[in-house]
Amino acid sequence: MSSVYVFPGQGSQAVGMGQDLYNNNVAAREVFDVADAVLGEKLSDVIFNGPMETLTLTANVQPAILTTSIAMFRASNLQLPDYVAGHSLGEYTALCVAGALSLEDAVKLVRLRGKEMQKAVPAGQGAMAVVLGMNIETLKDICAKAEQETNGVCDIANDNCDGQIVISGATNAIERAMELAKEAGAKRAMKLPLSVPPHSRLMAPVAEKMKIALDNIEIKTPSVPLISNKTCQPMTDINEIKESLIYQITHGVRWRESVLNMVDLGITDLTEIGPGTALIGLVSRITDKITTHKLEI
């Protein structure tokens, strides 16, 4: 019997998240104060007071979710589990919790990641969409067909669980893939409210910038293994971790496979730490062999 803590990515944000912790817990307040100091601005004001449009800017929401998640963890006084994992951005949070990244470096890295994602693709030229009720192999074929017809990038961005897959890429290719998916029997295909197409080949310039940034900070061997978005397997090697963080910028998050591998690793207990309950919702749709919890503090 083993345990894992999992940390959410972009999309779990809410104005006001973490504010009670900031007001009532010294350890949590320190996390928000460090993030503000590192960024040279009051990110905490945006997190607590919004407006939502400002919070959801990719350059803000990535450090906001990481900071809130780490504040929740530090306020909880929980011991480390046997493994950690994160969905996309959540990998940086997981690595910070496991001692591989300092809080300061984690905040700087995800701010850079968010800013570069915003810059990489002009507004309106990139899109994401969720496709429901379709298997991944069929959708891969549809993405290839949409690319062929539109000459635009169309990639699998998140394999979240059976029947919930997110695609990402050029707007025209994503729109065509949505049409093709519906024609092929998808229950639903709808655009997500993001102008940035993460986990697609359009993010190649971001991967280059992140490689430079990761080469210039210290990453330590994590105290517990990270179950990687890239390999779905436990990872402790520093160079492999760096490669995985760069790889995930232009490639999809293999969350469904990661959870299935958690079962194979003997993990029976999973706790989601951070805003929202998106991950435990996905886990419960993937397997009934893992007991899920939401950290409530």
C-alpha atoms as a PDB file:
ATOM      1  CA  MET A   1       0.000   0.000   0.000  1.00  0.00           C
ATOM      2  CA  SER A   2       1.468   3.288  -1.125  1.00  0.00           C
ATOM      3  CA  SER A   3       0.282   6.899  -1.298  1.00  0.00           C
ATOM      4  CA  VAL A   4       0.595   9.766  -3.769  1.00  0.00           C
ATOM      5  CA  TYR A   5      -0.078  13.513  -3.627  1.00  0.00           C
ATOM      6  CA  VAL A   6      -1.257  15.056  -6.895  1.00  0.00           C
ATOM      7  CA  PHE A   7      -1.264  18.730  -7.869  1.00  0.00           C
ATOM      8  CA  PRO A   8      -3.552  20.442 -10.398  1.00  0.00           C
ATOM      9  CA  GLY A   9      -2.715  22.477 -13.466  1.00  0.00           C
ATOM     10  CA  GLN A  10      -4.257  25.462 -15.195  1.00  0.00           C
ATOM     11  CA  GLY A  11      -8.044  25.585 -15.051  1.00  0.00           C
ATOM     12  CA  SER A  12      -8.441  24.979 -11.310  1.00  0.00           C
ATOM     13  CA  GLN A  13      -8.156  28.647 -10.357  1.00  0.00           C
ATOM     14  CA  ALA A  14     -10.763  30.694  -8.506  1.00  0.00           C
ATOM     15  CA  VAL A  15     -10.619  34.269  -7.262  1.00  0.00           C
ATOM     16  CA  GLY A  16     -10.124  34.191  -3.488  1.00  0.00           C
ATOM     17  CA  MET A  17      -8.375  30.809  -3.382  1.00  0.00           C
ATOM     18  CA  GLY A  18      -6.053  30.542  -0.409  1.00  0.00           C
ATOM     19  CA  GLN A  19      -7.155  33.801   1.197  1.00  0.00           C
ATOM     20  CA  ASP A  20      -8.394  32.196   4.435  1.00  0.00           C
ATOM     21  CA  LEU A  21      -5.091  30.354   4.724  1.00  0.00           C
ATOM     22  CA  TYR A  22      -3.182  33.586   4.166  1.00  0.00           C
ATOM     23  CA  ASN A  23      -5.145  35.282   6.922  1.00  0.00           C
ATOM     24  CA  ASN A  24      -4.973  32.432   9.426  1.00  0.00           C
ATOM     25  CA  ASN A  25      -1.827  30.381   8.836  1.00  0.00           C
ATOM     26  CA  VAL A  26       1.747  31.640   9.158  1.00  0.00           C
ATOM     27  CA  ALA A  27       3.295  28.942   6.940  1.00  0.00           C
ATOM     28  CA  ALA A  28       0.810  29.631   4.147  1.00  0.00           C
ATOM     29  CA  ARG A  29       1.256  33.406   4.421  1.00  0.00           C
ATOM     30  CA  GLU A  30       5.013  32.994   4.014  1.00  0.00           C
ATOM     31  CA  VAL A  31       4.494  31.135   0.728  1.00  0.00           C
ATOM     32  CA  PHE A  32       2.364  33.933  -0.751  1.00  0.00           C
ATOM     33  CA  ASP A  33       4.814  36.564   0.552  1.00  0.00           C
ATOM     34  CA  VAL A  34       7.769  34.754  -1.047  1.00  0.00           C
ATOM     35  CA  ALA A  35       5.949  34.577  -4.390  1.00  0.00           C
ATOM     36  CA  ASP A  36       5.170  38.305  -4.245  1.00  0.00           C
ATOM     37  CA  ALA A  37       8.802  39.106  -3.427  1.00  0.00           C
ATOM     38  CA  VAL A  38      10.208  36.865  -6.167  1.00  0.00           C
ATOM     39  CA  LEU A  39       7.913  38.343  -8.820  1.00  0.00           C
ATOM     40  CA  GLY A  40       8.298  41.924  -7.578  1.00  0.00           C
ATOM     41  CA  GLU A  41       4.540  42.402  -7.624  1.00  0.00           C
ATOM     42  CA  LYS A  42       1.490  41.568  -5.527  1.00  0.00           C
ATOM     43  CA  LEU A  43       0.360  38.382  -7.219  1.00  0.00           C
ATOM     44  CA  SER A  44      -1.474  37.638  -3.960  1.00  0.00           C
ATOM     45  CA  ASP A  45      -3.775  40.634  -4.600  1.00  0.00           C
ATOM     46  CA  VAL A  46      -4.736  39.192  -7.985  1.00  0.00           C
ATOM     47  CA  ILE A  47      -5.290  35.736  -6.448  1.00  0.00           C
ATOM     48  CA  PHE A  48      -7.454  37.035  -3.602  1.00  0.00           C
ATOM     49  CA  ASN A  49      -9.284  39.887  -5.326  1.00  0.00           C
ATOM     50  CA  GLY A  50      -9.167  39.240  -9.080  1.00  0.00           C
ATOM     51  CA  PRO A  51     -10.606  40.240 -11.434  1.00  0.00           C
ATOM     52  CA  MET A  52     -10.928  36.769 -12.949  1.00  0.00           C
ATOM     53  CA  GLU A  53      -9.755  38.018 -16.371  1.00  0.00           C
ATOM     54  CA  THR A  54      -6.460  39.118 -14.809  1.00  0.00           C
ATOM     55  CA  LEU A  55      -6.060  35.949 -12.756  1.00  0.00           C
ATOM     56  CA  THR A  56      -6.665  33.706 -15.790  1.00  0.00           C
ATOM     57  CA  LEU A  57      -3.908  35.319 -17.873  1.00  0.00           C
ATOM     58  CA  THR A  58      -1.490  32.451 -18.422  1.00  0.00           C
ATOM     59  CA  ALA A  59       1.434  34.403 -16.956  1.00  0.00           C
ATOM     60  CA  ASN A  60      -0.545  34.958 -13.723  1.00  0.00           C
ATOM     61  CA  VAL A  61      -2.528  31.771 -13.325  1.00  0.00           C
ATOM     62  CA  GLN A  62       0.458  29.423 -13.473  1.00  0.00           C
ATOM     63  CA  PRO A  63       2.339  30.957 -10.513  1.00  0.00           C
ATOM     64  CA  ALA A  64      -1.019  31.564  -8.775  1.00  0.00           C
ATOM     65  CA  ILE A  65      -2.014  27.886  -8.781  1.00  0.00           C
ATOM     66  CA  LEU A  66       1.480  26.727  -7.819  1.00  0.00           C
ATOM     67  CA  THR A  67       1.682  29.230  -4.942  1.00  0.00           C
ATOM     68  CA  THR A  68      -1.770  28.372  -3.613  1.00  0.00           C
ATOM     69  CA  SER A  69      -1.095  24.629  -3.813  1.00  0.00           C
ATOM     70  CA  ILE A  70       2.216  24.884  -1.962  1.00  0.00           C
ATOM     71  CA  ALA A  71       0.637  27.154   0.666  1.00  0.00           C
ATOM     72  CA  MET A  72      -2.031  24.494   1.235  1.00  0.00           C
ATOM     73  CA  PHE A  73       0.589  21.764   1.555  1.00  0.00           C
ATOM     74  CA  ARG A  74       2.764  23.719   3.998  1.00  0.00           C
ATOM     75  CA  ALA A  75      -0.219  24.732   6.109  1.00  0.00           C
ATOM     76  CA  SER A  76      -1.294  21.090   6.408  1.00  0.00           C
ATOM     77  CA  ASN A  77       1.869  19.753   8.124  1.00  0.00           C
ATOM     78  CA  LEU A  78       1.457  16.566   6.085  1.00  0.00           C
ATOM     79  CA  GLN A  79       4.358  14.137   5.779  1.00  0.00           C
ATOM     80  CA  LEU A  80       5.652  13.351   2.311  1.00  0.00           C
ATOM     81  CA  PRO A  81       3.880  10.449   0.559  1.00  0.00           C
ATOM     82  CA  ASP A  82       5.559   7.621  -1.384  1.00  0.00           C
ATOM     83  CA  TYR A  83       5.134   9.444  -4.708  1.00  0.00           C
ATOM     84  CA  VAL A  84       4.111  12.834  -6.120  1.00  0.00           C
ATOM     85  CA  ALA A  85       2.538  13.710  -9.470  1.00  0.00           C
ATOM     86  CA  GLY A  86       1.174  16.805 -11.186  1.00  0.00           C
ATOM     87  CA  HIS A  87      -1.014  17.559 -14.169  1.00  0.00           C
ATOM     88  CA  SER A  88       1.045  19.739 -16.536  1.00  0.00           C
ATOM     89  CA  LEU A  89       1.937  22.842 -14.486  1.00  0.00           C
ATOM     90  CA  GLY A  90       1.285  20.694 -11.401  1.00  0.00           C
ATOM     91  CA  GLU A  91       4.583  18.870 -12.014  1.00  0.00           C
ATOM     92  CA  TYR A  92       6.459  21.992 -10.898  1.00  0.00           C
ATOM     93  CA  THR A  93       4.382  22.085  -7.703  1.00  0.00           C
ATOM     94  CA  ALA A  94       5.026  18.383  -7.110  1.00  0.00           C
ATOM     95  CA  LEU A  95       8.772  18.852  -7.556  1.00  0.00           C
ATOM     96  CA  CYS A  96       8.785  21.782  -5.143  1.00  0.00           C
ATOM     97  CA  VAL A  97       6.911  19.750  -2.514  1.00  0.00           C
ATOM     98  CA  ALA A  98       9.377  16.878  -3.027  1.00  0.00           C
ATOM     99  CA  GLY A  99      12.336  19.215  -2.459  1.00  0.00           C
ATOM    100  CA  ALA A 100      13.681  19.121  -6.029  1.00  0.00           C
ATOM    101  CA  LEU A 101      12.897  22.806  -6.686  1.00  0.00           C
ATOM    102  CA  SER A 102      13.056  25.706  -4.253  1.00  0.00           C
ATOM    103  CA  LEU A 103       9.850  27.724  -3.911  1.00  0.00           C
ATOM    104  CA  GLU A 104      11.618  30.764  -5.364  1.00  0.00           C
ATOM    105  CA  ASP A 105      12.812  28.888  -8.441  1.00  0.00           C
ATOM    106  CA  ALA A 106       9.461  27.156  -8.942  1.00  0.00           C
ATOM    107  CA  VAL A 107       7.618  30.510  -8.937  1.00  0.00           C
ATOM    108  CA  LYS A 108      10.121  32.062 -11.368  1.00  0.00           C
ATOM    109  CA  LEU A 109       9.965  29.072 -13.705  1.00  0.00           C
ATOM    110  CA  VAL A 110       6.184  28.949 -13.983  1.00  0.00           C
ATOM    111  CA  ARG A 111       5.943  32.727 -14.441  1.00  0.00           C
ATOM    112  CA  LEU A 112       8.427  32.419 -17.310  1.00  0.00           C
ATOM    113  CA  ARG A 113       6.547  29.393 -18.676  1.00  0.00           C
ATOM    114  CA  GLY A 114       3.264  31.333 -18.652  1.00  0.00           C
ATOM    115  CA  LYS A 115       4.718  34.499 -20.190  1.00  0.00           C
ATOM    116  CA  GLU A 116       6.468  32.606 -22.966  1.00  0.00           C
ATOM    117  CA  MET A 117       3.310  30.615 -23.723  1.00  0.00           C
ATOM    118  CA  GLN A 118       1.382  33.874 -24.131  1.00  0.00           C
ATOM    119  CA  LYS A 119       4.053  35.243 -26.477  1.00  0.00           C
ATOM    120  CA  ALA A 120       4.561  32.097 -28.576  1.00  0.00           C
ATOM    121  CA  VAL A 121       1.303  32.167 -30.531  1.00  0.00           C
ATOM    122  CA  PRO A 122      -0.544  35.395 -31.464  1.00  0.00           C
ATOM    123  CA  ALA A 123      -4.032  35.740 -29.963  1.00  0.00           C
ATOM    124  CA  GLY A 124      -6.657  33.955 -32.021  1.00  0.00           C
ATOM    125  CA  GLN A 125      -4.191  31.709 -33.843  1.00  0.00           C
ATOM    126  CA  GLY A 126      -4.127  28.942 -31.236  1.00  0.00           C
ATOM    127  CA  ALA A 127      -6.923  26.983 -29.558  1.00  0.00           C
ATOM    128  CA  MET A 128      -7.751  24.020 -27.328  1.00  0.00           C
ATOM    129  CA  ALA A 129     -10.848  21.844 -27.360  1.00  0.00           C
ATOM    130  CA  VAL A 130     -12.140  18.974 -25.254  1.00  0.00           C
ATOM    131  CA  VAL A 131     -13.559  15.943 -27.034  1.00  0.00           C
ATOM    132  CA  LEU A 132     -15.909  13.670 -25.076  1.00  0.00           C
ATOM    133  CA  GLY A 133     -16.883  10.091 -25.801  1.00  0.00           C
ATOM    134  CA  MET A 134     -14.097   9.112 -28.175  1.00  0.00           C
ATOM    135  CA  ASN A 135     -11.099   6.790 -27.804  1.00  0.00           C
ATOM    136  CA  ILE A 136      -7.614   8.182 -28.203  1.00  0.00           C
ATOM    137  CA  GLU A 137      -6.585   6.155 -31.265  1.00  0.00           C
ATOM    138  CA  THR A 138      -9.593   7.395 -33.268  1.00  0.00           C
ATOM    139  CA  LEU A 139      -8.901  10.956 -32.188  1.00  0.00           C
ATOM    140  CA  LYS A 140      -5.228  10.688 -33.172  1.00  0.00           C
ATOM    141  CA  ASP A 141      -6.348   9.732 -36.689  1.00  0.00           C
ATOM    142  CA  ILE A 142      -8.767  12.673 -36.713  1.00  0.00           C
ATOM    143  CA  CYS A 143      -5.990  15.077 -35.632  1.00  0.00           C
ATOM    144  CA  ALA A 144      -3.798  13.800 -38.482  1.00  0.00           C
ATOM    145  CA  LYS A 145      -6.652  14.286 -40.980  1.00  0.00           C
ATOM    146  CA  ALA A 146      -7.379  17.811 -39.684  1.00  0.00           C
ATOM    147  CA  GLU A 147      -3.690  18.689 -40.073  1.00  0.00           C
ATOM    148  CA  GLN A 148      -3.658  17.378 -43.619  1.00  0.00           C
ATOM    149  CA  GLU A 149      -6.746  19.353 -44.589  1.00  0.00           C
ATOM    150  CA  THR A 150      -5.815  22.652 -42.919  1.00  0.00           C
ATOM    151  CA  ASN A 151      -2.018  22.539 -42.881  1.00  0.00           C
ATOM    152  CA  GLY A 152      -2.203  23.507 -39.200  1.00  0.00           C
ATOM    153  CA  VAL A 153      -0.889  21.795 -36.070  1.00  0.00           C
ATOM    154  CA  CYS A 154      -3.390  19.565 -34.217  1.00  0.00           C
ATOM    155  CA  ASP A 155      -2.056  17.551 -31.262  1.00  0.00           C
ATOM    156  CA  ILE A 156      -3.388  15.483 -28.363  1.00  0.00           C
ATOM    157  CA  ALA A 157      -2.757  17.742 -25.361  1.00  0.00           C
ATOM    158  CA  ASN A 158      -4.308  15.832 -22.443  1.00  0.00           C
ATOM    159  CA  ASP A 159      -5.389  12.209 -22.266  1.00  0.00           C
ATOM    160  CA  ASN A 160      -7.358  12.853 -19.084  1.00  0.00           C
ATOM    161  CA  CYS A 161      -9.494   9.727 -18.728  1.00  0.00           C
ATOM    162  CA  ASP A 162     -11.518   7.363 -20.898  1.00  0.00           C
ATOM    163  CA  GLY A 163     -13.724   9.529 -23.062  1.00  0.00           C
ATOM    164  CA  GLN A 164     -12.201  12.909 -22.125  1.00  0.00           C
ATOM    165  CA  ILE A 165      -9.345  14.057 -24.331  1.00  0.00           C
ATOM    166  CA  VAL A 166      -8.104  17.597 -25.005  1.00  0.00           C
ATOM    167  CA  ILE A 167      -6.630  18.655 -28.341  1.00  0.00           C
ATOM    168  CA  SER A 168      -4.436  21.691 -28.941  1.00  0.00           C
ATOM    169  CA  GLY A 169      -2.927  23.555 -31.880  1.00  0.00           C
ATOM    170  CA  ALA A 170      -3.750  26.008 -34.659  1.00  0.00           C
ATOM    171  CA  THR A 171      -7.290  27.380 -34.466  1.00  0.00           C
ATOM    172  CA  ASN A 172      -8.311  26.266 -37.974  1.00  0.00           C
ATOM    173  CA  ALA A 173      -7.008  22.725 -37.402  1.00  0.00           C
ATOM    174  CA  ILE A 174      -8.704  22.419 -33.998  1.00  0.00           C
ATOM    175  CA  GLU A 175     -12.028  23.624 -35.429  1.00  0.00           C
ATOM    176  CA  ARG A 176     -11.776  21.093 -38.263  1.00  0.00           C
ATOM    177  CA  ALA A 177     -10.887  18.292 -35.825  1.00  0.00           C
ATOM    178  CA  MET A 178     -13.951  19.182 -33.753  1.00  0.00           C
ATOM    179  CA  GLU A 179     -16.162  18.830 -36.848  1.00  0.00           C
ATOM    180  CA  LEU A 180     -14.554  15.515 -37.787  1.00  0.00           C
ATOM    181  CA  ALA A 181     -14.863  14.194 -34.225  1.00  0.00           C
ATOM    182  CA  LYS A 182     -18.591  14.988 -34.147  1.00  0.00           C
ATOM    183  CA  GLU A 183     -19.057  13.304 -37.527  1.00  0.00           C
ATOM    184  CA  ALA A 184     -17.216  10.235 -36.177  1.00  0.00           C
ATOM    185  CA  GLY A 185     -19.551   9.946 -33.195  1.00  0.00           C
ATOM    186  CA  ALA A 186     -18.006  12.037 -30.411  1.00  0.00           C
ATOM    187  CA  LYS A 187     -20.600  12.930 -27.780  1.00  0.00           C
ATOM    188  CA  ARG A 188     -19.311  16.468 -27.624  1.00  0.00           C
ATOM    189  CA  ALA A 189     -16.471  18.653 -28.901  1.00  0.00           C
ATOM    190  CA  MET A 190     -16.133  22.138 -27.493  1.00  0.00           C
ATOM    191  CA  LYS A 191     -13.489  24.831 -27.409  1.00  0.00           C
ATOM    192  CA  LEU A 192     -11.895  25.708 -24.081  1.00  0.00           C
ATOM    193  CA  PRO A 193     -11.507  29.341 -22.988  1.00  0.00           C
ATOM    194  CA  LEU A 194      -7.773  29.505 -23.745  1.00  0.00           C
ATOM    195  CA  SER A 195      -6.049  31.395 -26.523  1.00  0.00           C
ATOM    196  CA  VAL A 196      -2.783  29.570 -25.775  1.00  0.00           C
ATOM    197  CA  PRO A 197      -2.358  26.051 -27.245  1.00  0.00           C
ATOM    198  CA  PRO A 198      -0.220  24.279 -24.598  1.00  0.00           C
ATOM    199  CA  HIS A 199       1.159  20.770 -25.089  1.00  0.00           C
ATOM    200  CA  SER A 200       1.328  21.248 -28.852  1.00  0.00           C
ATOM    201  CA  ARG A 201       4.205  21.649 -31.285  1.00  0.00           C
ATOM    202  CA  LEU A 202       3.353  25.373 -31.506  1.00  0.00           C
ATOM    203  CA  MET A 203       4.992  25.685 -28.075  1.00  0.00           C
ATOM    204  CA  ALA A 204       8.478  24.828 -29.422  1.00  0.00           C
ATOM    205  CA  PRO A 205       9.831  28.364 -28.757  1.00  0.00           C
ATOM    206  CA  VAL A 206       8.694  28.027 -25.121  1.00  0.00           C
ATOM    207  CA  ALA A 207      10.534  24.725 -24.763  1.00  0.00           C
ATOM    208  CA  GLU A 208      13.748  26.422 -25.911  1.00  0.00           C
ATOM    209  CA  LYS A 209      13.378  29.209 -23.333  1.00  0.00           C
ATOM    210  CA  MET A 210      12.531  26.756 -20.561  1.00  0.00           C
ATOM    211  CA  LYS A 211      15.572  24.621 -21.403  1.00  0.00           C
ATOM    212  CA  ILE A 212      17.828  27.631 -20.850  1.00  0.00           C
ATOM    213  CA  ALA A 213      16.041  28.524 -17.597  1.00  0.00           C
ATOM    214  CA  LEU A 214      16.196  24.960 -16.250  1.00  0.00           C
ATOM    215  CA  ASP A 215      19.917  24.741 -17.088  1.00  0.00           C
ATOM    216  CA  ASN A 216      20.496  27.816 -14.918  1.00  0.00           C
ATOM    217  CA  ILE A 217      18.843  26.661 -11.710  1.00  0.00           C
ATOM    218  CA  GLU A 218      19.611  23.947  -9.211  1.00  0.00           C
ATOM    219  CA  ILE A 219      17.398  20.883  -9.296  1.00  0.00           C
ATOM    220  CA  LYS A 220      17.977  18.441  -6.461  1.00  0.00           C
ATOM    221  CA  THR A 221      17.099  14.760  -6.366  1.00  0.00           C
ATOM    222  CA  PRO A 222      13.493  14.700  -5.117  1.00  0.00           C
ATOM    223  CA  SER A 223      12.885  13.095  -1.722  1.00  0.00           C
ATOM    224  CA  VAL A 224      10.173  10.934  -3.323  1.00  0.00           C
ATOM    225  CA  PRO A 225       9.774   9.978  -7.011  1.00  0.00           C
ATOM    226  CA  LEU A 226       7.744  12.071  -9.442  1.00  0.00           C
ATOM    227  CA  ILE A 227       5.336  10.066 -11.614  1.00  0.00           C
ATOM    228  CA  SER A 228       6.093  11.837 -14.865  1.00  0.00           C
ATOM    229  CA  ASN A 229       3.646  13.229 -17.450  1.00  0.00           C
ATOM    230  CA  LYS A 230       6.168  12.101 -20.081  1.00  0.00           C
ATOM    231  CA  THR A 231       6.784   8.463 -19.128  1.00  0.00           C
ATOM    232  CA  CYS A 232       3.958   7.797 -16.614  1.00  0.00           C
ATOM    233  CA  GLN A 233       6.700   6.159 -14.511  1.00  0.00           C
ATOM    234  CA  PRO A 234       8.451   7.176 -11.264  1.00  0.00           C
ATOM    235  CA  MET A 235      11.380   9.507 -11.906  1.00  0.00           C
ATOM    236  CA  THR A 236      14.185  10.725  -9.606  1.00  0.00           C
ATOM    237  CA  ASP A 237      17.082  11.382 -11.989  1.00  0.00           C
ATOM    238  CA  ILE A 238      17.742  15.125 -12.234  1.00  0.00           C
ATOM    239  CA  ASN A 239      18.532  15.101 -15.968  1.00  0.00           C
ATOM    240  CA  GLU A 240      15.450  13.009 -16.727  1.00  0.00           C
ATOM    241  CA  ILE A 241      13.323  15.449 -14.722  1.00  0.00           C
ATOM    242  CA  LYS A 242      14.665  18.418 -16.706  1.00  0.00           C
ATOM    243  CA  GLU A 243      14.040  16.625 -20.000  1.00  0.00           C
ATOM    244  CA  SER A 244      10.525  15.722 -18.875  1.00  0.00           C
ATOM    245  CA  LEU A 245       9.669  19.324 -17.958  1.00  0.00           C
ATOM    246  CA  ILE A 246      10.860  20.521 -21.367  1.00  0.00           C
ATOM    247  CA  TYR A 247       9.161  17.649 -23.218  1.00  0.00           C
ATOM    248  CA  GLN A 248       5.748  18.268 -21.639  1.00  0.00           C
ATOM    249  CA  ILE A 249       5.582  21.777 -23.136  1.00  0.00           C
ATOM    250  CA  THR A 250       5.223  20.414 -26.680  1.00  0.00           C
ATOM    251  CA  HIS A 251       3.710  16.990 -25.883  1.00  0.00           C
ATOM    252  CA  GLY A 252       0.550  15.735 -24.239  1.00  0.00           C
ATOM    253  CA  VAL A 253      -0.140  14.978 -20.582  1.00  0.00           C
ATOM    254  CA  ARG A 254      -0.653  11.210 -20.217  1.00  0.00           C
ATOM    255  CA  TRP A 255      -2.817  11.413 -17.114  1.00  0.00           C
ATOM    256  CA  ARG A 256      -4.971   8.332 -17.763  1.00  0.00           C
ATOM    257  CA  GLU A 257      -1.900   6.145 -18.255  1.00  0.00           C
ATOM    258  CA  SER A 258      -0.186   7.703 -15.229  1.00  0.00           C
ATOM    259  CA  VAL A 259      -3.103   6.772 -12.982  1.00  0.00           C
ATOM    260  CA  LEU A 260      -3.214   3.223 -14.359  1.00  0.00           C
ATOM    261  CA  ASN A 261       0.505   2.949 -13.609  1.00  0.00           C
ATOM    262  CA  MET A 262      -0.156   4.191 -10.066  1.00  0.00           C
ATOM    263  CA  VAL A 263      -2.338   1.110  -9.625  1.00  0.00           C
ATOM    264  CA  ASP A 264       0.506  -1.074 -10.945  1.00  0.00           C
ATOM    265  CA  LEU A 265       2.881   0.591  -8.458  1.00  0.00           C
ATOM    266  CA  GLY A 266       0.615  -0.463  -5.596  1.00  0.00           C
ATOM    267  CA  ILE A 267      -0.707   3.025  -4.875  1.00  0.00           C
ATOM    268  CA  THR A 268      -4.011   2.763  -3.017  1.00  0.00           C
ATOM    269  CA  ASP A 269      -4.324   6.264  -1.561  1.00  0.00           C
ATOM    270  CA  LEU A 270      -4.341   9.556  -3.497  1.00  0.00           C
ATOM    271  CA  THR A 271      -4.703  13.086  -2.126  1.00  0.00           C
ATOM    272  CA  GLU A 272      -5.256  16.129  -4.351  1.00  0.00           C
ATOM    273  CA  ILE A 273      -3.599  19.270  -2.986  1.00  0.00           C
ATOM    274  CA  GLY A 274      -4.477  22.607  -4.553  1.00  0.00           C
ATOM    275  CA  PRO A 275      -7.555  24.517  -5.715  1.00  0.00           C
ATOM    276  CA  GLY A 276     -10.461  22.480  -7.079  1.00  0.00           C
ATOM    277  CA  THR A 277     -11.114  18.751  -7.343  1.00  0.00           C
ATOM    278  CA  ALA A 278     -10.465  18.160 -11.044  1.00  0.00           C
ATOM    279  CA  LEU A 279      -7.870  15.435 -10.571  1.00  0.00           C
ATOM    280  CA  ILE A 280      -9.744  13.264  -8.100  1.00  0.00           C
ATOM    281  CA  GLY A 281     -12.729  13.490 -10.450  1.00  0.00           C
ATOM    282  CA  LEU A 282     -10.591  12.112 -13.275  1.00  0.00           C
ATOM    283  CA  VAL A 283      -8.996   9.432 -11.087  1.00  0.00           C
ATOM    284  CA  SER A 284     -12.405   8.122 -10.012  1.00  0.00           C
ATOM    285  CA  ARG A 285     -13.318   7.722 -13.699  1.00  0.00           C
ATOM    286  CA  ILE A 286     -10.091   5.838 -14.465  1.00  0.00           C
ATOM    287  CA  THR A 287      -9.966   3.318 -11.604  1.00  0.00           C
ATOM    288  CA  ASP A 288     -11.831   2.157  -8.507  1.00  0.00           C
ATOM    289  CA  LYS A 289      -8.648   0.732  -6.986  1.00  0.00           C
ATOM    290  CA  ILE A 290      -7.403   4.044  -5.559  1.00  0.00           C
ATOM    291  CA  THR A 291      -9.097   5.823  -2.658  1.00  0.00           C
ATOM    292  CA  THR A 292      -9.125   9.573  -3.322  1.00  0.00           C
ATOM    293  CA  HIS A 293      -9.090  12.487  -0.887  1.00  0.00           C
ATOM    294  CA  LYS A 294      -9.182  16.253  -1.204  1.00  0.00           C
ATOM    295  CA  LEU A 295      -6.952  18.099   1.250  1.00  0.00           C
ATOM    296  CA  GLU A 296      -9.281  20.219   3.372  1.00  0.00           C
ATOM    297  CA  ILE A 297      -7.641  22.698   5.728  1.00  0.00           C
END
